Amino acid sequence: MDEEYDVIVLGTGLKECILSGLLSVDGLKVLHMDRNDYYGGESTSLNLIQLWKKFRGSDKPPAHLGSSRDYNVDMVPKFIMANGALVRVLIHTDVTKYLYFKAVDGSFVYNKGKVHKVPATDMEALKSPLMGIFEKRRARKFFIYVQDYNENDPKTHEGMDLTRVTTKELIAKYGLDDNTIDFIGHALALHRDDRYLHEPALDTVKRMKLYAESLARFQGGSPYIYPLYGLGELPQAFARLSAVYGGTYMLNKPECKVEFDEEGKVCGVTSEGETAKCKKVVCDPSYLPNKVRKVGKVARAICIMSHPIPNTNESHSVQVIIPQKQLGRRSDMYLFCCSYSHNVAPKGKFIAFVSTEAESDQPEIELKAGIDLLGPVDEIFYDVYDRFEPVNEPSLDNCFISNSYDATTHFESTVIDVLNMYSMITGKVLDLNVDLSAASAAEE
């Protein structure tokens, strides 16, 4: 271990593994360590016995739930946008050859007490029960504007500069009502709260286009894909990739103490009496607790069920977004469901998550509106975890710390953090122009 590395990565969470893969592919010498004896850190994947140990303190789950081995329950479940930045990053590193993806069946939104399919195109807008007949026509016009919009072709801008016009102003031009704005902003553009309404509209239009393009890609009922056996496959795939590029992975390394020189710059990491030297450290917040601050917490319920979420067309994998306004909250609530069709549970079993940014200390009460949409559950576990973000100045100490995972059930905010960190570490922007078809052969 007494060698010198360009970068030492601490923690094998999703973000750390992606970064370690990107840096290895760039030709840097990377050492990747984790204090745990398993991959994934906070975002690990647990079998049934591990799940029982974590939440019930025993290693004897009831027999009727089936074999422990058949469960791969992701602790931070997030669906992947088919044409999104994460897929581009995965293709860029060629890690896709170790992973098999399958389309996610459904994308739904909660509105006025009911669950509806998210309409994503002008044709779907005309059929959606979310809107009345006149509103449908207005929404169709707006969808066509978004579909035709091209940032580099002023003819498609209809006289509006979307870097200046706010989302609220753009939507007002089409006369859409609050109800329509709610599902467009939260279920299509995937904003986490309503701040976007007062920000430039370009971001929202780009997000809507990404959704529609991703939806068209797999011809499925949603724009999302998910790996077979769950996200726990990602860290392991990156570990294999890293080995190809000469990177080193070490699990079960206690302490992992980050060492600094007299100028306060990182100079190495010590574990079990040995110090590996390095120029930079990349880690999750738990490895440098004095360089982060708490910014919130996520409340969630993890449920094992014997049926799909009701009113989602019997979807075996599905996301339901509950916009903040629908529940009188400050941010959205998310439902995630996956099942034996993605090999994350035994046949006939479904894993559902209800998650939100916590606004109280009572997850049972706070999550009730989401849990009520699930129907009968076999088992339910409640969990609250703190969210941290870095407060250090990486240019001074060469420590690059990721943000904790948020409550969203899709990857969009996570991958933004990864790309920002990559640019800070390397001083360059990652080129995401890749051949997207490289990840499509793996649908089935």
Protein backbone atom coordinates (compact mmCIF):
# COMPACT_ATOMS: atom_id res chain seq x y z
CA MET A 1 0.00 0.00 0.00
CA ASP A 2 2.97 2.34 0.47
CA GLU A 3 2.76 3.70 -3.04
CA GLU A 4 1.89 7.08 -4.45
CA TYR A 5 -1.42 7.58 -6.29
CA ASP A 6 -2.91 10.46 -8.29
CA VAL A 7 -6.22 10.04 -6.48
CA ILE A 8 -7.45 8.00 -3.54
CA VAL A 9 -11.21 7.42 -3.51
CA LEU A 10 -12.84 6.62 -0.14
CA GLY A 11 -16.20 4.87 -0.09
CA THR A 12 -17.71 2.70 -2.82
CA GLY A 13 -21.02 4.54 -3.13
CA LEU A 14 -22.51 5.13 -6.58
CA LYS A 15 -20.94 8.58 -6.97
CA GLU A 16 -17.50 7.50 -5.80
CA CYS A 17 -17.49 4.47 -8.11
CA ILE A 18 -18.51 6.49 -11.15
CA LEU A 19 -15.77 9.06 -10.43
CA SER A 20 -13.16 6.39 -9.81
CA GLY A 21 -14.12 4.82 -13.17
CA LEU A 22 -13.93 8.13 -15.03
CA LEU A 23 -10.55 9.03 -13.51
CA SER A 24 -9.12 5.56 -14.25
CA VAL A 25 -10.23 5.83 -17.88
CA ASP A 26 -8.45 9.21 -18.00
CA GLY A 27 -5.21 7.41 -17.17
CA LEU A 28 -4.89 8.48 -13.51
CA LYS A 29 -3.52 6.04 -10.95
CA VAL A 30 -6.43 5.41 -8.57
CA LEU A 31 -6.64 3.61 -5.22
CA HIS A 32 -10.22 2.96 -4.09
CA MET A 33 -10.84 2.02 -0.44
CA ASP A 34 -13.88 1.37 1.73
CA ARG A 35 -14.12 0.82 5.49
CA ASN A 36 -16.99 -1.66 4.94
CA ASP A 37 -16.59 -5.26 3.78
CA TYR A 38 -19.22 -4.71 1.07
CA TYR A 39 -19.60 -2.41 -1.93
CA GLY A 40 -21.91 0.58 -2.11
CA GLY A 41 -21.66 2.48 1.19
CA GLU A 42 -24.96 4.30 1.80
CA SER A 43 -26.16 3.19 -1.62
CA THR A 44 -25.52 -0.53 -1.09
CA SER A 45 -27.92 -3.31 -2.01
CA LEU A 46 -29.12 -5.69 0.73
CA ASN A 47 -30.49 -9.23 0.71
CA LEU A 48 -33.37 -10.09 3.04
CA ILE A 49 -31.21 -11.20 5.98
CA GLN A 50 -29.08 -8.03 5.75
CA LEU A 51 -32.27 -5.94 5.54
CA TRP A 52 -33.63 -7.63 8.68
CA LYS A 53 -30.36 -7.07 10.55
CA LYS A 54 -30.30 -3.37 9.62
CA PHE A 55 -33.91 -2.54 10.52
CA ARG A 56 -35.10 -5.29 12.88
CA GLY A 57 -31.86 -6.25 14.67
CA SER A 58 -32.32 -9.97 13.96
CA ASP A 59 -31.17 -12.28 11.20
CA LYS A 60 -34.36 -14.36 10.98
CA PRO A 61 -36.75 -12.90 8.41
CA PRO A 62 -40.12 -14.73 8.14
CA ALA A 63 -39.99 -17.73 5.81
CA HIS A 64 -43.09 -16.68 3.81
CA LEU A 65 -41.09 -13.84 2.23
CA GLY A 66 -39.00 -16.37 0.30
CA SER A 67 -35.27 -16.88 -0.09
CA SER A 68 -33.00 -14.13 1.25
CA ARG A 69 -30.68 -14.49 -1.76
CA ASP A 70 -33.47 -13.54 -4.17
CA TYR A 71 -33.66 -10.04 -2.68
CA ASN A 72 -31.47 -7.18 -3.92
CA VAL A 73 -32.94 -4.18 -2.11
CA ASP A 74 -31.17 -0.96 -3.11
CA MET A 75 -30.79 1.42 -0.19
CA VAL A 76 -30.80 4.44 -2.53
CA PRO A 77 -33.02 3.31 -5.40
CA LYS A 78 -32.98 5.59 -8.43
CA PHE A 79 -34.26 4.94 -11.93
CA ILE A 80 -32.00 5.95 -14.82
CA MET A 81 -33.20 8.26 -17.61
CA ALA A 82 -32.66 6.27 -20.83
CA ASN A 83 -31.00 9.16 -22.68
CA GLY A 84 -29.76 10.96 -19.59
CA ALA A 85 -26.29 11.97 -18.49
CA LEU A 86 -25.71 8.83 -16.39
CA VAL A 87 -26.18 6.51 -19.38
CA ARG A 88 -23.78 8.71 -21.35
CA VAL A 89 -21.23 8.50 -18.53
CA LEU A 90 -21.61 4.71 -18.35
CA ILE A 91 -21.10 4.39 -22.12
CA HIS A 92 -18.14 6.81 -21.99
CA THR A 93 -16.37 4.45 -19.55
CA ASP A 94 -17.55 1.30 -21.39
CA VAL A 95 -18.78 -0.12 -18.08
CA THR A 96 -22.05 -0.97 -19.89
CA LYS A 97 -20.49 -4.25 -21.01
CA TYR A 98 -20.80 -5.51 -17.41
CA LEU A 99 -24.42 -4.41 -16.92
CA TYR A 100 -27.82 -5.47 -18.21
CA PHE A 101 -30.59 -2.88 -18.24
CA LYS A 102 -34.30 -3.38 -18.60
CA ALA A 103 -36.92 -0.73 -19.33
CA VAL A 104 -39.10 0.47 -16.44
CA ASP A 105 -42.82 -0.12 -17.06
CA GLY A 106 -44.47 3.04 -15.83
CA SER A 107 -44.14 6.74 -15.02
CA PHE A 108 -47.04 8.21 -13.06
CA VAL A 109 -48.04 11.39 -11.26
CA TYR A 110 -50.39 12.00 -8.33
CA ASN A 111 -53.06 14.62 -8.91
CA LYS A 112 -56.12 15.44 -6.80
CA GLY A 113 -56.16 12.13 -4.97
CA LYS A 114 -55.58 9.93 -8.03
CA VAL A 115 -52.60 8.36 -9.80
CA HIS A 116 -52.32 9.12 -13.55
CA LYS A 117 -49.90 8.13 -16.30
CA VAL A 118 -47.61 11.05 -17.15
CA PRO A 119 -48.46 12.34 -20.65
CA ALA A 120 -45.19 13.13 -22.43
CA THR A 121 -46.11 13.89 -26.05
CA ASP A 122 -48.71 15.99 -27.84
CA MET A 123 -50.71 12.83 -28.68
CA GLU A 124 -50.69 11.59 -25.08
CA ALA A 125 -51.74 15.04 -23.88
CA LEU A 126 -54.93 14.73 -25.93
CA LYS A 127 -55.82 11.43 -24.25
CA SER A 128 -54.87 12.26 -20.65
CA PRO A 129 -57.65 12.42 -18.02
CA LEU A 130 -55.45 14.94 -16.15
CA MET A 131 -56.91 17.78 -18.28
CA GLY A 132 -60.23 18.99 -19.60
CA ILE A 133 -60.89 19.25 -23.33
CA PHE A 134 -59.80 22.89 -23.84
CA GLU A 135 -56.76 22.51 -21.59
CA LYS A 136 -55.70 19.45 -23.63
CA ARG A 137 -55.56 21.56 -26.78
CA ARG A 138 -53.49 24.24 -25.06
CA ALA A 139 -51.16 21.61 -23.59
CA ARG A 140 -50.78 19.95 -27.01
CA LYS A 141 -49.62 23.28 -28.48
CA PHE A 142 -47.10 23.67 -25.69
CA PHE A 143 -45.78 20.10 -26.15
CA ILE A 144 -45.35 20.71 -29.89
CA TYR A 145 -43.41 23.92 -29.14
CA VAL A 146 -41.11 21.98 -26.79
CA GLN A 147 -40.65 19.08 -29.22
CA ASP A 148 -39.73 21.45 -32.07
CA TYR A 149 -37.56 23.74 -29.94
CA ASN A 150 -33.91 23.82 -31.01
CA GLU A 151 -31.54 26.00 -29.01
CA ASN A 152 -29.45 26.78 -32.12
CA ASP A 153 -32.35 27.57 -34.47
CA PRO A 154 -34.00 30.92 -33.64
CA LYS A 155 -36.92 30.08 -35.99
CA THR A 156 -38.12 27.56 -33.38
CA HIS A 157 -38.00 30.09 -30.52
CA GLU A 158 -41.23 31.94 -31.39
CA GLY A 159 -39.58 35.23 -30.49
CA MET A 160 -38.68 34.20 -26.92
CA ASP A 161 -35.22 34.07 -25.41
CA LEU A 162 -35.53 31.15 -22.97
CA THR A 163 -32.34 32.17 -21.16
CA ARG A 164 -34.27 35.29 -20.06
CA VAL A 165 -37.96 34.29 -20.06
CA THR A 166 -38.96 32.47 -16.84
CA THR A 167 -40.77 29.14 -16.92
CA LYS A 168 -43.84 30.86 -15.46
CA GLU A 169 -43.85 33.44 -18.28
CA LEU A 170 -43.40 30.79 -20.97
CA ILE A 171 -46.24 28.66 -19.64
CA ALA A 172 -48.48 31.75 -19.26
CA LYS A 173 -48.04 32.36 -22.99
CA TYR A 174 -49.79 29.04 -23.63
CA GLY A 175 -52.47 29.73 -21.01
CA LEU A 176 -51.90 26.51 -19.07
CA ASP A 177 -53.56 26.15 -15.66
CA ASP A 178 -51.79 25.41 -12.35
CA ASN A 179 -52.84 21.78 -12.45
CA THR A 180 -51.09 21.21 -15.81
CA ILE A 181 -48.05 23.21 -14.74
CA ASP A 182 -47.80 20.97 -11.68
CA PHE A 183 -47.40 17.70 -13.58
CA ILE A 184 -45.22 19.23 -16.32
CA GLY A 185 -42.79 20.77 -13.83
CA HIS A 186 -42.56 17.84 -11.42
CA ALA A 187 -43.26 14.64 -13.38
CA LEU A 188 -41.80 15.57 -16.80
CA ALA A 189 -39.11 18.16 -16.03
CA LEU A 190 -38.44 16.43 -12.66
CA HIS A 191 -38.04 19.61 -10.62
CA ARG A 192 -38.03 18.84 -6.88
CA ASP A 193 -39.96 21.94 -5.79
CA ASP A 194 -41.55 25.04 -7.34
CA ARG A 195 -38.50 27.31 -7.47
CA TYR A 196 -38.05 26.54 -11.17
CA LEU A 197 -41.09 28.70 -12.06
CA HIS A 198 -39.05 31.86 -11.44
CA GLU A 199 -35.91 30.61 -13.21
CA PRO A 200 -35.09 30.77 -16.97
CA ALA A 201 -37.32 28.40 -18.96
CA LEU A 202 -34.50 26.86 -21.02
CA ASP A 203 -33.67 24.32 -18.29
CA THR A 204 -37.30 23.13 -18.06
CA VAL A 205 -37.65 22.84 -21.84
CA LYS A 206 -34.41 20.82 -22.04
CA ARG A 207 -35.61 18.53 -19.25
CA MET A 208 -38.95 17.96 -21.02
CA LYS A 209 -37.12 17.13 -24.25
CA LEU A 210 -34.87 14.66 -22.42
CA TYR A 211 -37.94 12.94 -20.97
CA ALA A 212 -39.65 12.65 -24.37
CA GLU A 213 -36.48 11.44 -26.14
CA SER A 214 -35.84 8.87 -23.40
CA LEU A 215 -39.43 7.67 -23.59
CA ALA A 216 -39.15 7.16 -27.36
CA ARG A 217 -35.91 5.23 -27.03
CA PHE A 218 -37.21 1.96 -25.55
CA GLN A 219 -40.83 2.31 -26.69
CA GLY A 220 -41.78 1.34 -23.13
CA GLY A 221 -44.24 3.01 -20.78
CA SER A 222 -41.58 5.19 -19.16
CA PRO A 223 -38.35 7.03 -20.00
CA TYR A 224 -36.46 5.06 -17.33
CA ILE A 225 -34.26 1.98 -17.30
CA TYR A 226 -32.88 -0.01 -14.35
CA PRO A 227 -30.16 -2.66 -14.11
CA LEU A 228 -31.17 -6.29 -13.64
CA TYR A 229 -30.38 -7.19 -10.00
CA GLY A 230 -30.58 -3.50 -9.10
CA LEU A 231 -28.07 -0.67 -8.66
CA GLY A 232 -25.81 -2.81 -6.47
CA GLU A 233 -24.43 -4.05 -9.79
CA LEU A 234 -22.99 -0.61 -10.64
CA PRO A 235 -20.22 -0.37 -8.00
CA GLN A 236 -19.11 -3.92 -8.80
CA ALA A 237 -19.08 -3.20 -12.53
CA PHE A 238 -16.91 -0.14 -11.89
CA ALA A 239 -14.57 -2.18 -9.70
CA ARG A 240 -14.05 -4.57 -12.63
CA LEU A 241 -13.54 -1.63 -14.99
CA SER A 242 -11.00 -0.03 -12.64
CA ALA A 243 -8.98 -3.25 -12.56
CA VAL A 244 -8.76 -3.19 -16.36
CA TYR A 245 -7.14 0.26 -16.12
CA GLY A 246 -4.75 -0.71 -13.34
CA GLY A 247 -6.77 0.81 -10.49
CA THR A 248 -6.80 -0.91 -7.09
CA TYR A 249 -9.88 -1.66 -4.95
CA MET A 250 -9.58 -2.49 -1.24
CA LEU A 251 -12.60 -3.29 0.92
CA ASN A 252 -12.69 -3.72 4.71
CA LYS A 253 -10.03 -1.06 5.39
CA PRO A 254 -10.73 0.33 8.87
CA GLU A 255 -10.40 4.01 9.77
CA CYS A 256 -9.08 5.36 6.44
CA LYS A 257 -7.64 8.49 8.06
CA VAL A 258 -6.98 11.33 5.63
CA GLU A 259 -3.54 12.92 6.21
CA PHE A 260 -2.72 16.59 5.56
CA ASP A 261 0.59 18.44 5.14
CA GLU A 262 1.44 21.66 7.02
CA GLU A 263 -0.32 23.76 4.35
CA GLY A 264 -3.55 21.85 4.95
CA LYS A 265 -3.34 20.00 1.62
CA VAL A 266 -4.15 16.32 1.53
CA CYS A 267 -1.04 14.14 1.24
CA GLY A 268 -2.24 10.57 1.88
CA VAL A 269 -4.57 8.14 3.62
CA THR A 270 -3.61 5.88 6.52
CA SER A 271 -5.26 2.55 7.30
CA GLU A 272 -3.95 -0.23 9.56
CA GLY A 273 -0.67 1.61 10.10
CA GLU A 274 0.17 1.99 6.42
CA THR A 275 -0.03 5.27 4.52
CA ALA A 276 -0.70 5.54 0.81
CA LYS A 277 0.44 8.90 -0.60
CA CYS A 278 -1.76 10.87 -2.96
CA LYS A 279 -2.35 14.28 -4.52
CA LYS A 280 -6.15 14.29 -4.22
CA VAL A 281 -8.87 12.56 -2.21
CA VAL A 282 -12.43 11.90 -3.40
CA CYS A 283 -14.89 10.69 -0.77
CA ASP A 284 -18.43 10.66 0.61
CA PRO A 285 -19.25 12.92 3.60
CA SER A 286 -18.69 10.18 6.20
CA TYR A 287 -14.91 10.10 5.60
CA LEU A 288 -14.34 13.83 6.28
CA PRO A 289 -17.09 14.79 8.76
CA ASN A 290 -15.36 18.05 9.76
CA LYS A 291 -15.50 19.35 6.17
CA VAL A 292 -19.28 18.97 5.66
CA ARG A 293 -22.46 20.44 7.11
CA LYS A 294 -25.92 18.97 7.58
CA VAL A 295 -28.42 20.47 5.12
CA GLY A 296 -31.51 18.34 5.67
CA LYS A 297 -32.70 14.79 6.03
CA VAL A 298 -34.55 12.21 3.96
CA ALA A 299 -37.50 10.26 5.39
CA ARG A 300 -38.48 7.03 3.73
CA ALA A 301 -40.43 3.83 4.04
CA ILE A 302 -39.21 0.55 2.52
CA CYS A 303 -42.01 -1.91 1.84
CA ILE A 304 -42.22 -5.52 0.73
CA MET A 305 -45.51 -6.25 -1.08
CA SER A 306 -47.16 -9.09 -2.98
CA HIS A 307 -48.76 -6.93 -5.68
CA PRO A 308 -47.94 -3.92 -7.91
CA ILE A 309 -48.87 -0.38 -6.81
CA PRO A 310 -52.63 -0.01 -7.51
CA ASN A 311 -53.75 2.16 -10.46
CA THR A 312 -50.41 1.84 -12.29
CA ASN A 313 -51.61 -0.58 -15.02
CA GLU A 314 -50.16 -3.55 -13.11
CA SER A 315 -46.65 -2.13 -13.70
CA HIS A 316 -43.90 -4.35 -12.29
CA SER A 317 -41.54 -1.38 -12.13
CA VAL A 318 -42.83 2.16 -11.73
CA GLN A 319 -42.20 5.66 -10.42
CA VAL A 320 -44.98 7.86 -9.04
CA ILE A 321 -44.22 11.51 -8.31
CA ILE A 322 -46.40 13.43 -5.85
CA PRO A 323 -45.84 17.16 -6.48
CA GLN A 324 -45.40 19.22 -3.30
CA LYS A 325 -48.55 21.26 -3.88
CA GLN A 326 -50.75 18.15 -3.94
CA LEU A 327 -49.89 17.47 -0.30
CA GLY A 328 -49.23 21.03 0.87
CA ARG A 329 -45.51 20.28 1.30
CA ARG A 330 -42.30 22.19 0.61
CA SER A 331 -40.89 19.51 -1.72
CA ASP A 332 -42.08 16.46 -3.64
CA MET A 333 -42.71 12.90 -2.44
CA TYR A 334 -41.61 9.92 -4.53
CA LEU A 335 -42.82 6.34 -4.92
CA PHE A 336 -40.47 3.75 -6.39
CA CYS A 337 -41.46 0.16 -7.12
CA CYS A 338 -39.45 -2.69 -8.57
CA SER A 339 -39.96 -6.44 -8.52
CA TYR A 340 -38.95 -9.88 -9.68
CA SER A 341 -39.07 -8.62 -13.29
CA HIS A 342 -35.78 -6.79 -12.53
CA ASN A 343 -34.54 -9.66 -10.32
CA VAL A 344 -34.62 -7.60 -7.11
CA ALA A 345 -37.13 -9.87 -5.30
CA PRO A 346 -38.48 -13.44 -5.55
CA LYS A 347 -41.32 -14.18 -7.97
CA GLY A 348 -44.53 -12.50 -6.87
CA LYS A 349 -42.82 -10.00 -4.56
CA PHE A 350 -42.47 -6.24 -5.03
CA ILE A 351 -40.17 -3.75 -3.31
CA ALA A 352 -41.60 -0.25 -2.87
CA PHE A 353 -39.98 2.91 -1.48
CA VAL A 354 -41.74 6.09 -0.38
CA SER A 355 -39.28 8.94 0.09
CA THR A 356 -39.27 12.68 0.67
CA GLU A 357 -37.15 15.47 2.13
CA ALA A 358 -38.19 15.29 5.82
CA GLU A 359 -40.08 18.26 7.23
CA SER A 360 -40.71 16.70 10.66
CA ASP A 361 -39.36 14.02 12.99
CA GLN A 362 -42.26 11.64 12.36
CA PRO A 363 -41.69 9.67 9.15
CA GLU A 364 -44.72 7.42 9.79
CA ILE A 365 -47.06 10.44 9.73
CA GLU A 366 -45.21 12.37 7.07
CA LEU A 367 -45.08 9.50 4.56
CA LYS A 368 -48.65 8.32 5.15
CA ALA A 369 -50.06 9.94 1.98
CA GLY A 370 -47.57 8.00 -0.13
CA ILE A 371 -47.87 4.72 1.79
CA ASP A 372 -51.67 4.85 1.44
CA LEU A 373 -51.23 4.62 -2.35
CA LEU A 374 -49.41 1.28 -2.06
CA GLY A 375 -52.31 -0.88 -0.86
CA PRO A 376 -51.61 -3.76 1.58
CA VAL A 377 -47.93 -4.26 2.48
CA ASP A 378 -46.32 -7.45 3.89
CA GLU A 379 -43.56 -5.59 5.74
CA ILE A 380 -42.63 -1.94 6.24
CA PHE A 381 -39.40 -0.36 7.52
CA TYR A 382 -39.00 3.33 8.33
CA ASP A 383 -35.71 5.14 7.98
CA VAL A 384 -34.48 8.72 8.30
CA TYR A 385 -30.97 9.77 7.27
CA ASP A 386 -29.15 13.11 7.34
CA ARG A 387 -28.08 14.86 4.17
CA PHE A 388 -24.66 16.53 4.12
CA GLU A 389 -22.87 18.78 1.67
CA PRO A 390 -19.22 19.86 1.62
CA VAL A 391 -18.13 23.24 3.04
CA ASN A 392 -14.40 22.94 2.24
CA GLU A 393 -12.55 24.72 -0.56
CA PRO A 394 -11.16 21.93 -2.80
CA SER A 395 -8.65 24.27 -4.44
CA LEU A 396 -7.00 24.70 -1.00
CA ASP A 397 -7.10 21.19 0.45
CA ASN A 398 -7.53 18.93 -2.64
CA CYS A 399 -10.46 17.11 -0.98
CA PHE A 400 -13.45 16.48 -3.23
CA ILE A 401 -16.51 15.45 -1.24
CA SER A 402 -19.83 14.33 -2.71
CA ASN A 403 -23.26 15.47 -1.52
CA SER A 404 -25.43 12.91 0.29
CA TYR A 405 -28.17 11.27 -1.80
CA ASP A 406 -31.45 13.19 -2.01
CA ALA A 407 -35.01 11.82 -1.84
CA THR A 408 -35.54 11.61 -5.61
CA THR A 409 -36.21 8.21 -7.19
CA HIS A 410 -34.34 9.06 -10.39
CA PHE A 411 -30.67 9.78 -11.09
CA GLU A 412 -30.79 13.28 -12.54
CA SER A 413 -29.56 15.30 -9.52
CA THR A 414 -27.00 12.62 -8.55
CA VAL A 415 -25.23 12.66 -11.91
CA ILE A 416 -25.05 16.49 -11.91
CA ASP A 417 -23.04 16.26 -8.67
CA VAL A 418 -20.73 13.66 -10.23
CA LEU A 419 -20.09 15.77 -13.35
CA ASN A 420 -19.40 18.91 -11.26
CA MET A 421 -16.94 16.97 -9.10
CA TYR A 422 -15.24 15.53 -12.20
CA SER A 423 -14.70 19.05 -13.56
CA MET A 424 -13.31 20.28 -10.24
CA ILE A 425 -10.91 17.34 -9.95
CA THR A 426 -9.64 17.34 -13.54
CA GLY A 427 -10.21 20.95 -14.62
CA LYS A 428 -12.08 19.79 -17.72
CA VAL A 429 -15.67 19.12 -18.78
CA LEU A 430 -16.56 15.50 -19.54
CA ASP A 431 -17.48 14.98 -23.19
CA LEU A 432 -20.86 13.26 -23.17
CA ASN A 433 -21.28 12.97 -26.93
CA VAL A 434 -21.41 9.19 -27.15
CA ASP A 435 -23.24 6.62 -29.25
CA LEU A 436 -26.31 6.00 -27.09
CA SER A 437 -27.09 2.73 -28.86
CA ALA A 438 -24.20 1.14 -26.93
CA ALA A 439 -26.56 0.65 -23.97
CA SER A 440 -29.67 -0.41 -25.85
CA ALA A 441 -28.81 -4.02 -26.62
CA ALA A 442 -29.19 -4.82 -22.96
CA GLU A 443 -32.92 -4.15 -22.58
CA GLU A 444 -33.80 -7.83 -22.35
